[in-house]
Amino acid sequence: MRQTSAAAAELQLGILQDIEIPSAENMKTSRYQDFLGQVDYYRTTLQIRHARRAQGYIVRFDAKTKRIVTHHLEQVRECSSPVQSSWTIQKYT
C-alpha cells in the first residue's frame, strides 16, 4: 500500500491522496480490499485514457500520399548515406 501511494504521489496523479495507511497492527482485510478496489478503479481509468490517447495519433494515408511520403523518405536516406559512408573509426593507441 505504501509503495502504491508513494508512486501515485511522486507521479502527481492526484489519486489515493485521501487514504490513510494504517499501521500493520491495525490493518484489517476489509481496509486492504477497499484500497485494492480504489487502485483497480484508477488503473482502469488510466488504461482507458491511455488507449484513447494512443488511438488519436493513428494516421491513415491513401495510396497517393503513401507514395509521396515514401519518395521523400528515400530522398532523405539517399542524402544521409554518403555522410554515413564517409565516417571512419579511428583506433587510438
PDB file of N, CA and C in Angstrom:
ATOM      1  N   MET A   1       0.814  -1.186   0.000  1.00  0.00           N
ATOM      2  CA  MET A   1       0.000   0.000   0.000  1.00  0.00           C
ATOM      3  C   MET A   1       0.861   1.254   0.000  1.00  0.00           C
ATOM      4  N   ARG A   2       1.921   1.220   0.774  1.00  0.00           N
ATOM      5  CA  ARG A   2       2.776   2.398   0.869  1.00  0.00           C
ATOM      6  C   ARG A   2       3.470   2.683  -0.459  1.00  0.00           C
ATOM      7  N   GLN A   3       3.923   1.634  -1.129  1.00  0.00           N
ATOM      8  CA  GLN A   3       4.594   1.817  -2.413  1.00  0.00           C
ATOM      9  C   GLN A   3       3.641   2.400  -3.449  1.00  0.00           C
ATOM     10  N   THR A   4       2.441   1.894  -3.496  1.00  0.00           N
ATOM     11  CA  THR A   4       1.464   2.373  -4.465  1.00  0.00           C
ATOM     12  C   THR A   4       1.101   3.824  -4.182  1.00  0.00           C
ATOM     13  N   SER A   5       0.864   4.154  -2.927  1.00  0.00           N
ATOM     14  CA  SER A   5       0.539   5.536  -2.561  1.00  0.00           C
ATOM     15  C   SER A   5       1.708   6.468  -2.848  1.00  0.00           C
ATOM     16  N   ALA A   6       2.921   6.016  -2.559  1.00  0.00           N
ATOM     17  CA  ALA A   6       4.107   6.837  -2.817  1.00  0.00           C
ATOM     18  C   ALA A   6       4.306   7.073  -4.319  1.00  0.00           C
ATOM     19  N   ALA A   7       4.089   6.032  -5.115  1.00  0.00           N
ATOM     20  CA  ALA A   7       4.228   6.181  -6.566  1.00  0.00           C
ATOM     21  C   ALA A   7       3.196   7.162  -7.110  1.00  0.00           C
ATOM     22  N   ALA A   8       1.968   7.068  -6.645  1.00  0.00           N
ATOM     23  CA  ALA A   8       0.911   7.982  -7.098  1.00  0.00           C
ATOM     24  C   ALA A   8       1.235   9.417  -6.702  1.00  0.00           C
ATOM     25  N   ALA A   9       1.764   9.602  -5.515  1.00  0.00           N
ATOM     26  CA  ALA A   9       2.112  10.951  -5.057  1.00  0.00           C
ATOM     27  C   ALA A   9       3.285  11.510  -5.856  1.00  0.00           C
ATOM     28  N   GLU A  10       4.307  10.712  -6.072  1.00  0.00           N
ATOM     29  CA  GLU A  10       5.501  11.171  -6.796  1.00  0.00           C
ATOM     30  C   GLU A  10       5.186  11.508  -8.245  1.00  0.00           C
ATOM     31  N   LEU A  11       4.312  10.735  -8.856  1.00  0.00           N
ATOM     32  CA  LEU A  11       3.929  10.982 -10.249  1.00  0.00           C
ATOM     33  C   LEU A  11       2.850  12.055 -10.369  1.00  0.00           C
ATOM     34  N   GLN A  12       2.413  12.568  -9.245  1.00  0.00           N
ATOM     35  CA  GLN A  12       1.406  13.617  -9.183  1.00  0.00           C
ATOM     36  C   GLN A  12       0.152  13.232  -9.968  1.00  0.00           C
ATOM     37  N   LEU A  13      -0.323  12.023  -9.692  1.00  0.00           N
ATOM     38  CA  LEU A  13      -1.509  11.516 -10.375  1.00  0.00           C
ATOM     39  C   LEU A  13      -2.795  12.079  -9.791  1.00  0.00           C
ATOM     40  N   GLY A  14      -2.714  12.615  -8.603  1.00  0.00           N
ATOM     41  CA  GLY A  14      -3.912  13.167  -7.980  1.00  0.00           C
ATOM     42  C   GLY A  14      -4.863  12.097  -7.475  1.00  0.00           C
ATOM     43  N   ILE A  15      -4.364  10.914  -7.247  1.00  0.00           N
ATOM     44  CA  ILE A  15      -5.194   9.819  -6.762  1.00  0.00           C
ATOM     45  C   ILE A  15      -4.617   9.295  -5.456  1.00  0.00           C
ATOM     46  N   LEU A  16      -5.454   8.645  -4.689  1.00  0.00           N
ATOM     47  CA  LEU A  16      -5.075   7.990  -3.433  1.00  0.00           C
ATOM     48  C   LEU A  16      -4.516   8.969  -2.405  1.00  0.00           C
ATOM     49  N   GLN A  17      -4.850  10.252  -2.535  1.00  0.00           N
ATOM     50  CA  GLN A  17      -4.328  11.237  -1.596  1.00  0.00           C
ATOM     51  C   GLN A  17      -5.036  11.196  -0.258  1.00  0.00           C
ATOM     52  N   ASP A  18      -6.291  10.771  -0.274  1.00  0.00           N
ATOM     53  CA  ASP A  18      -7.102  10.811   0.945  1.00  0.00           C
ATOM     54  C   ASP A  18      -6.987   9.534   1.776  1.00  0.00           C
ATOM     55  N   ILE A  19      -6.159   8.635   1.362  1.00  0.00           N
ATOM     56  CA  ILE A  19      -6.066   7.352   2.048  1.00  0.00           C
ATOM     57  C   ILE A  19      -5.019   7.423   3.155  1.00  0.00           C
ATOM     58  N   GLU A  20      -5.449   7.053   4.335  1.00  0.00           N
ATOM     59  CA  GLU A  20      -4.512   6.923   5.447  1.00  0.00           C
ATOM     60  C   GLU A  20      -4.129   5.456   5.557  1.00  0.00           C
ATOM     61  N   ILE A  21      -2.849   5.211   5.537  1.00  0.00           N
ATOM     62  CA  ILE A  21      -2.388   3.829   5.627  1.00  0.00           C
ATOM     63  C   ILE A  21      -2.206   3.484   7.103  1.00  0.00           C
ATOM     64  N   PRO A  22      -2.969   2.529   7.575  1.00  0.00           N
ATOM     65  CA  PRO A  22      -2.865   2.175   8.996  1.00  0.00           C
ATOM     66  C   PRO A  22      -1.578   1.386   9.265  1.00  0.00           C
ATOM     67  N   SER A  23      -1.221   1.339  10.524  1.00  0.00           N
ATOM     68  CA  SER A  23      -0.062   0.529  10.889  1.00  0.00           C
ATOM     69  C   SER A  23      -0.401  -0.936  10.669  1.00  0.00           C
ATOM     70  N   ALA A  24       0.596  -1.757  10.607  1.00  0.00           N
ATOM     71  CA  ALA A  24       0.397  -3.181  10.366  1.00  0.00           C
ATOM     72  C   ALA A  24      -0.452  -3.820  11.460  1.00  0.00           C
ATOM     73  N   GLU A  25      -0.347  -3.303  12.661  1.00  0.00           N
ATOM     74  CA  GLU A  25      -1.117  -3.854  13.766  1.00  0.00           C
ATOM     75  C   GLU A  25      -2.616  -3.579  13.604  1.00  0.00           C
ATOM     76  N   ASN A  26      -2.964  -2.456  12.991  1.00  0.00           N
ATOM     77  CA  ASN A  26      -4.365  -2.068  12.842  1.00  0.00           C
ATOM     78  C   ASN A  26      -4.932  -2.386  11.461  1.00  0.00           C
ATOM     79  N   MET A  27      -4.173  -3.069  10.655  1.00  0.00           N
ATOM     80  CA  MET A  27      -4.614  -3.370   9.290  1.00  0.00           C
ATOM     81  C   MET A  27      -5.666  -4.473   9.314  1.00  0.00           C
ATOM     82  N   LYS A  28      -6.744  -4.211   8.633  1.00  0.00           N
ATOM     83  CA  LYS A  28      -7.811  -5.198   8.530  1.00  0.00           C
ATOM     84  C   LYS A  28      -7.949  -5.589   7.064  1.00  0.00           C
ATOM     85  N   THR A  29      -8.444  -6.767   6.847  1.00  0.00           N
ATOM     86  CA  THR A  29      -8.616  -7.262   5.476  1.00  0.00           C
ATOM     87  C   THR A  29      -9.571  -6.376   4.693  1.00  0.00           C
ATOM     88  N   SER A  30     -10.622  -5.918   5.317  1.00  0.00           N
ATOM     89  CA  SER A  30     -11.596  -5.067   4.622  1.00  0.00           C
ATOM     90  C   SER A  30     -10.956  -3.742   4.174  1.00  0.00           C
ATOM     91  N   ARG A  31     -10.079  -3.211   4.987  1.00  0.00           N
ATOM     92  CA  ARG A  31      -9.395  -1.953   4.639  1.00  0.00           C
ATOM     93  C   ARG A  31      -8.494  -2.167   3.419  1.00  0.00           C
ATOM     94  N   TYR A  32      -7.802  -3.278   3.411  1.00  0.00           N
ATOM     95  CA  TYR A  32      -6.919  -3.599   2.291  1.00  0.00           C
ATOM     96  C   TYR A  32      -7.732  -3.836   1.016  1.00  0.00           C
ATOM     97  N   GLN A  33      -8.852  -4.507   1.126  1.00  0.00           N
ATOM     98  CA  GLN A  33      -9.714  -4.752  -0.036  1.00  0.00           C
ATOM     99  C   GLN A  33     -10.268  -3.432  -0.588  1.00  0.00           C
ATOM    100  N   ASP A  34     -10.618  -2.516   0.277  1.00  0.00           N
ATOM    101  CA  ASP A  34     -11.072  -1.197  -0.170  1.00  0.00           C
ATOM    102  C   ASP A  34      -9.965  -0.483  -0.942  1.00  0.00           C
ATOM    103  N   PHE A  35      -8.764  -0.569  -0.412  1.00  0.00           N
ATOM    104  CA  PHE A  35      -7.620   0.061  -1.084  1.00  0.00           C
ATOM    105  C   PHE A  35      -7.403  -0.557  -2.463  1.00  0.00           C
ATOM    106  N   LEU A  36      -7.445  -1.889  -2.540  1.00  0.00           N
ATOM    107  CA  LEU A  36      -7.276  -2.554  -3.839  1.00  0.00           C
ATOM    108  C   LEU A  36      -8.369  -2.155  -4.818  1.00  0.00           C
ATOM    109  N   GLY A  37      -9.583  -1.994  -4.323  1.00  0.00           N
ATOM    110  CA  GLY A  37     -10.678  -1.563  -5.184  1.00  0.00           C
ATOM    111  C   GLY A  37     -10.425  -0.180  -5.766  1.00  0.00           C
ATOM    112  N   GLN A  38      -9.905   0.728  -4.959  1.00  0.00           N
ATOM    113  CA  GLN A  38      -9.594   2.070  -5.458  1.00  0.00           C
ATOM    114  C   GLN A  38      -8.450   2.041  -6.455  1.00  0.00           C
ATOM    115  N   VAL A  39      -7.447   1.233  -6.183  1.00  0.00           N
ATOM    116  CA  VAL A  39      -6.315   1.103  -7.118  1.00  0.00           C
ATOM    117  C   VAL A  39      -6.805   0.535  -8.442  1.00  0.00           C
ATOM    118  N   ASP A  40      -7.629  -0.493  -8.395  1.00  0.00           N
ATOM    119  CA  ASP A  40      -8.180  -1.074  -9.629  1.00  0.00           C
ATOM    120  C   ASP A  40      -8.991  -0.048 -10.407  1.00  0.00           C
ATOM    121  N   TYR A  41      -9.772   0.751  -9.704  1.00  0.00           N
ATOM    122  CA  TYR A  41     -10.581   1.781 -10.354  1.00  0.00           C
ATOM    123  C   TYR A  41      -9.690   2.770 -11.112  1.00  0.00           C
ATOM    124  N   TYR A  42      -8.682   3.300 -10.441  1.00  0.00           N
ATOM    125  CA  TYR A  42      -7.805   4.287 -11.075  1.00  0.00           C
ATOM    126  C   TYR A  42      -6.967   3.663 -12.190  1.00  0.00           C
ATOM    127  N   ARG A  43      -6.533   2.431 -11.991  1.00  0.00           N
ATOM    128  CA  ARG A  43      -5.746   1.757 -13.025  1.00  0.00           C
ATOM    129  C   ARG A  43      -6.577   1.581 -14.292  1.00  0.00           C
ATOM    130  N   THR A  44      -7.826   1.170 -14.128  1.00  0.00           N
ATOM    131  CA  THR A  44      -8.715   1.008 -15.283  1.00  0.00           C
ATOM    132  C   THR A  44      -8.951   2.347 -15.972  1.00  0.00           C
ATOM    133  N   THR A  45      -9.170   3.388 -15.189  1.00  0.00           N
ATOM    134  CA  THR A  45      -9.369   4.731 -15.746  1.00  0.00           C
ATOM    135  C   THR A  45      -8.160   5.166 -16.561  1.00  0.00           C
ATOM    136  N   LEU A  46      -6.964   4.975 -16.016  1.00  0.00           N
ATOM    137  CA  LEU A  46      -5.747   5.380 -16.722  1.00  0.00           C
ATOM    138  C   LEU A  46      -5.507   4.537 -17.969  1.00  0.00           C
ATOM    139  N   GLN A  47      -5.824   3.246 -17.915  1.00  0.00           N
ATOM    140  CA  GLN A  47      -5.662   2.394 -19.100  1.00  0.00           C
ATOM    141  C   GLN A  47      -6.587   2.840 -20.225  1.00  0.00           C
ATOM    142  N   ILE A  48      -7.813   3.169 -19.887  1.00  0.00           N
ATOM    143  CA  ILE A  48      -8.757   3.643 -20.913  1.00  0.00           C
ATOM    144  C   ILE A  48      -8.291   4.979 -21.476  1.00  0.00           C
ATOM    145  N   ARG A  49      -7.871   5.869 -20.610  1.00  0.00           N
ATOM    146  CA  ARG A  49      -7.383   7.172 -21.064  1.00  0.00           C
ATOM    147  C   ARG A  49      -6.180   7.014 -21.993  1.00  0.00           C
ATOM    148  N   HIS A  50      -5.272   6.134 -21.620  1.00  0.00           N
ATOM    149  CA  HIS A  50      -4.085   5.895 -22.449  1.00  0.00           C
ATOM    150  C   HIS A  50      -4.475   5.279 -23.792  1.00  0.00           C
ATOM    151  N   ALA A  51      -5.409   4.359 -23.786  1.00  0.00           N
ATOM    152  CA  ALA A  51      -5.838   3.714 -25.032  1.00  0.00           C
ATOM    153  C   ALA A  51      -6.474   4.731 -25.968  1.00  0.00           C
ATOM    154  N   ARG A  52      -7.266   5.626 -25.428  1.00  0.00           N
ATOM    155  CA  ARG A  52      -7.888   6.664 -26.259  1.00  0.00           C
ATOM    156  C   ARG A  52      -6.834   7.590 -26.838  1.00  0.00           C
ATOM    157  N   ARG A  53      -5.861   7.946 -26.039  1.00  0.00           N
ATOM    158  CA  ARG A  53      -4.808   8.853 -26.481  1.00  0.00           C
ATOM    159  C   ARG A  53      -3.970   8.200 -27.575  1.00  0.00           C
ATOM    160  N   ALA A  54      -3.640   6.934 -27.414  1.00  0.00           N
ATOM    161  CA  ALA A  54      -2.821   6.232 -28.406  1.00  0.00           C
ATOM    162  C   ALA A  54      -3.549   6.140 -29.747  1.00  0.00           C
ATOM    163  N   GLN A  55      -4.850   5.931 -29.718  1.00  0.00           N
ATOM    164  CA  GLN A  55      -5.604   5.839 -30.956  1.00  0.00           C
ATOM    165  C   GLN A  55      -5.699   7.187 -31.662  1.00  0.00           C
ATOM    166  N   GLY A  56      -5.581   8.258 -30.917  1.00  0.00           N
ATOM    167  CA  GLY A  56      -5.685   9.580 -31.510  1.00  0.00           C
ATOM    168  C   GLY A  56      -4.537   9.933 -32.432  1.00  0.00           C
ATOM    169  N   TYR A  57      -3.418   9.213 -32.362  1.00  0.00           N
ATOM    170  CA  TYR A  57      -2.256   9.532 -33.163  1.00  0.00           C
ATOM    171  C   TYR A  57      -2.124   8.649 -34.391  1.00  0.00           C
ATOM    172  N   ILE A  58      -3.084   7.831 -34.658  1.00  0.00           N
ATOM    173  CA  ILE A  58      -3.028   6.968 -35.830  1.00  0.00           C
ATOM    174  C   ILE A  58      -3.419   7.781 -37.053  1.00  0.00           C
ATOM    175  N   VAL A  59      -2.580   7.702 -38.078  1.00  0.00           N
ATOM    176  CA  VAL A  59      -2.847   8.429 -39.306  1.00  0.00           C
ATOM    177  C   VAL A  59      -2.912   7.425 -40.444  1.00  0.00           C
ATOM    178  N   ARG A  60      -3.930   7.541 -41.243  1.00  0.00           N
ATOM    179  CA  ARG A  60      -4.068   6.660 -42.398  1.00  0.00           C
ATOM    180  C   ARG A  60      -3.912   7.495 -43.663  1.00  0.00           C
ATOM    181  N   PHE A  61      -3.032   7.013 -44.547  1.00  0.00           N
ATOM    182  CA  PHE A  61      -2.801   7.701 -45.803  1.00  0.00           C
ATOM    183  C   PHE A  61      -3.429   6.930 -46.948  1.00  0.00           C
ATOM    184  N   ASP A  62      -3.855   7.668 -47.936  1.00  0.00           N
ATOM    185  CA  ASP A  62      -4.310   6.996 -49.149  1.00  0.00           C
ATOM    186  C   ASP A  62      -3.071   6.580 -49.957  1.00  0.00           C
ATOM    187  N   ALA A  63      -3.272   5.837 -51.033  1.00  0.00           N
ATOM    188  CA  ALA A  63      -2.157   5.282 -51.807  1.00  0.00           C
ATOM    189  C   ALA A  63      -1.246   6.381 -52.352  1.00  0.00           C
ATOM    190  N   LYS A  64      -1.821   7.461 -52.848  1.00  0.00           N
ATOM    191  CA  LYS A  64      -1.014   8.548 -53.413  1.00  0.00           C
ATOM    192  C   LYS A  64      -0.126   9.187 -52.348  1.00  0.00           C
ATOM    193  N   THR A  65      -0.694   9.460 -51.192  1.00  0.00           N
ATOM    194  CA  THR A  65       0.074  10.082 -50.113  1.00  0.00           C
ATOM    195  C   THR A  65       1.171   9.149 -49.621  1.00  0.00           C
ATOM    196  N   LYS A  66       0.897   7.853 -49.549  1.00  0.00           N
ATOM    197  CA  LYS A  66       1.917   6.875 -49.150  1.00  0.00           C
ATOM    198  C   LYS A  66       3.093   6.919 -50.105  1.00  0.00           C
ATOM    199  N   ARG A  67       2.809   7.001 -51.416  1.00  0.00           N
ATOM    200  CA  ARG A  67       3.897   7.064 -52.411  1.00  0.00           C
ATOM    201  C   ARG A  67       4.725   8.327 -52.224  1.00  0.00           C
ATOM    202  N   ILE A  68       4.058   9.450 -51.966  1.00  0.00           N
ATOM    203  CA  ILE A  68       4.780  10.714 -51.779  1.00  0.00           C
ATOM    204  C   ILE A  68       5.667  10.652 -50.535  1.00  0.00           C
ATOM    205  N   VAL A  69       5.115  10.166 -49.435  1.00  0.00           N
ATOM    206  CA  VAL A  69       5.889  10.066 -48.191  1.00  0.00           C
ATOM    207  C   VAL A  69       7.062   9.111 -48.374  1.00  0.00           C
ATOM    208  N   THR A  70       6.814   7.982 -49.018  1.00  0.00           N
ATOM    209  CA  THR A  70       7.887   7.012 -49.266  1.00  0.00           C
ATOM    210  C   THR A  70       8.979   7.637 -50.125  1.00  0.00           C
ATOM    211  N   HIS A  71       8.606   8.380 -51.140  1.00  0.00           N
ATOM    212  CA  HIS A  71       9.577   9.045 -52.010  1.00  0.00           C
ATOM    213  C   HIS A  71      10.444  10.017 -51.207  1.00  0.00           C
ATOM    214  N   HIS A  72       9.817  10.810 -50.341  1.00  0.00           N
ATOM    215  CA  HIS A  72      10.573  11.761 -49.528  1.00  0.00           C
ATOM    216  C   HIS A  72      11.520  11.044 -48.565  1.00  0.00           C
ATOM    217  N   LEU A  73      11.058   9.963 -47.985  1.00  0.00           N
ATOM    218  CA  LEU A  73      11.929   9.196 -47.079  1.00  0.00           C
ATOM    219  C   LEU A  73      13.124   8.621 -47.823  1.00  0.00           C
ATOM    220  N   GLU A  74      12.904   8.140 -49.030  1.00  0.00           N
ATOM    221  CA  GLU A  74      14.016   7.615 -49.833  1.00  0.00           C
ATOM    222  C   GLU A  74      15.016   8.718 -50.154  1.00  0.00           C
ATOM    223  N   GLN A  75      14.531   9.924 -50.420  1.00  0.00           N
ATOM    224  CA  GLN A  75      15.431  11.038 -50.686  1.00  0.00           C
ATOM    225  C   GLN A  75      16.272  11.369 -49.454  1.00  0.00           C
ATOM    226  N   VAL A  76      15.652  11.334 -48.297  1.00  0.00           N
ATOM    227  CA  VAL A  76      16.390  11.592 -47.058  1.00  0.00           C
ATOM    228  C   VAL A  76      17.449  10.517 -46.846  1.00  0.00           C
ATOM    229  N   ARG A  77      17.101   9.264 -47.093  1.00  0.00           N
ATOM    230  CA  ARG A  77      18.063   8.167 -46.939  1.00  0.00           C
ATOM    231  C   ARG A  77      19.230   8.333 -47.907  1.00  0.00           C
ATOM    232  N   GLU A  78      18.939   8.724 -49.140  1.00  0.00           N
ATOM    233  CA  GLU A  78      19.995   8.929 -50.127  1.00  0.00           C
ATOM    234  C   GLU A  78      20.932  10.057 -49.721  1.00  0.00           C
ATOM    235  N   CYS A  79      20.378  11.104 -49.160  1.00  0.00           N
ATOM    236  CA  CYS A  79      21.197  12.233 -48.715  1.00  0.00           C
ATOM    237  C   CYS A  79      22.078  11.862 -47.534  1.00  0.00           C
ATOM    238  N   SER A  80      21.577  11.024 -46.673  1.00  0.00           N
ATOM    239  CA  SER A  80      22.336  10.694 -45.469  1.00  0.00           C
ATOM    240  C   SER A  80      23.325   9.566 -45.683  1.00  0.00           C
ATOM    241  N   SER A  81      23.149   8.729 -46.691  1.00  0.00           N
ATOM    242  CA  SER A  81      24.073   7.605 -46.853  1.00  0.00           C
ATOM    243  C   SER A  81      25.480   8.027 -47.261  1.00  0.00           C
ATOM    244  N   PRO A  82      25.718   9.075 -48.097  1.00  0.00           N
ATOM    245  CA  PRO A  82      27.101   9.484 -48.355  1.00  0.00           C
ATOM    246  C   PRO A  82      27.785  10.000 -47.092  1.00  0.00           C
ATOM    247  N   VAL A  83      27.025  10.647 -46.241  1.00  0.00           N
ATOM    248  CA  VAL A  83      27.601  11.145 -44.995  1.00  0.00           C
ATOM    249  C   VAL A  83      28.003   9.982 -44.107  1.00  0.00           C
ATOM    250  N   GLN A  84      27.140   8.992 -43.998  1.00  0.00           N
ATOM    251  CA  GLN A  84      27.444   7.840 -43.152  1.00  0.00           C
ATOM    252  C   GLN A  84      28.609   7.037 -43.705  1.00  0.00           C
ATOM    253  N   SER A  85      28.726   6.925 -45.028  1.00  0.00           N
ATOM    254  CA  SER A  85      29.811   6.132 -45.585  1.00  0.00           C
ATOM    255  C   SER A  85      31.154   6.822 -45.419  1.00  0.00           C
ATOM    256  N   SER A  86      31.151   8.143 -45.217  1.00  0.00           N
ATOM    257  CA  SER A  86      32.421   8.854 -45.034  1.00  0.00           C
ATOM    258  C   SER A  86      32.910   8.796 -43.594  1.00  0.00           C
ATOM    259  N   TRP A  87      32.081   8.285 -42.687  1.00  0.00           N
ATOM    260  CA  TRP A  87      32.503   8.167 -41.300  1.00  0.00           C
ATOM    261  C   TRP A  87      33.541   7.066 -41.183  1.00  0.00           C
ATOM    262  N   THR A  88      34.566   7.325 -40.414  1.00  0.00           N
ATOM    263  CA  THR A  88      35.579   6.306 -40.183  1.00  0.00           C
ATOM    264  C   THR A  88      35.817   6.198 -38.691  1.00  0.00           C
ATOM    265  N   ILE A  89      36.198   5.038 -38.275  1.00  0.00           N
ATOM    266  CA  ILE A  89      36.514   4.802 -36.884  1.00  0.00           C
ATOM    267  C   ILE A  89      38.018   4.759 -36.753  1.00  0.00           C
ATOM    268  N   GLN A  90      38.527   5.623 -35.922  1.00  0.00           N
ATOM    269  CA  GLN A  90      39.966   5.682 -35.717  1.00  0.00           C
ATOM    270  C   GLN A  90      40.301   4.992 -34.415  1.00  0.00           C
ATOM    271  N   LYS A  91      41.345   4.209 -34.483  1.00  0.00           N
ATOM    272  CA  LYS A  91      41.788   3.485 -33.297  1.00  0.00           C
ATOM    273  C   LYS A  91      42.904   4.272 -32.657  1.00  0.00           C
ATOM    274  N   TYR A  92      42.713   4.612 -31.380  1.00  0.00           N
ATOM    275  CA  TYR A  92      43.743   5.340 -30.652  1.00  0.00           C
ATOM    276  C   TYR A  92      44.595   4.349 -29.885  1.00  0.00           C
ATOM    277  N   THR A  93      45.883   4.553 -29.990  1.00  0.00           N
ATOM    278  CA  THR A  93      46.790   3.656 -29.255  1.00  0.00           C
ATOM    279  C   THR A  93      47.645   4.423 -28.295  1.00  0.00           C
TER     280      THR A  93
END
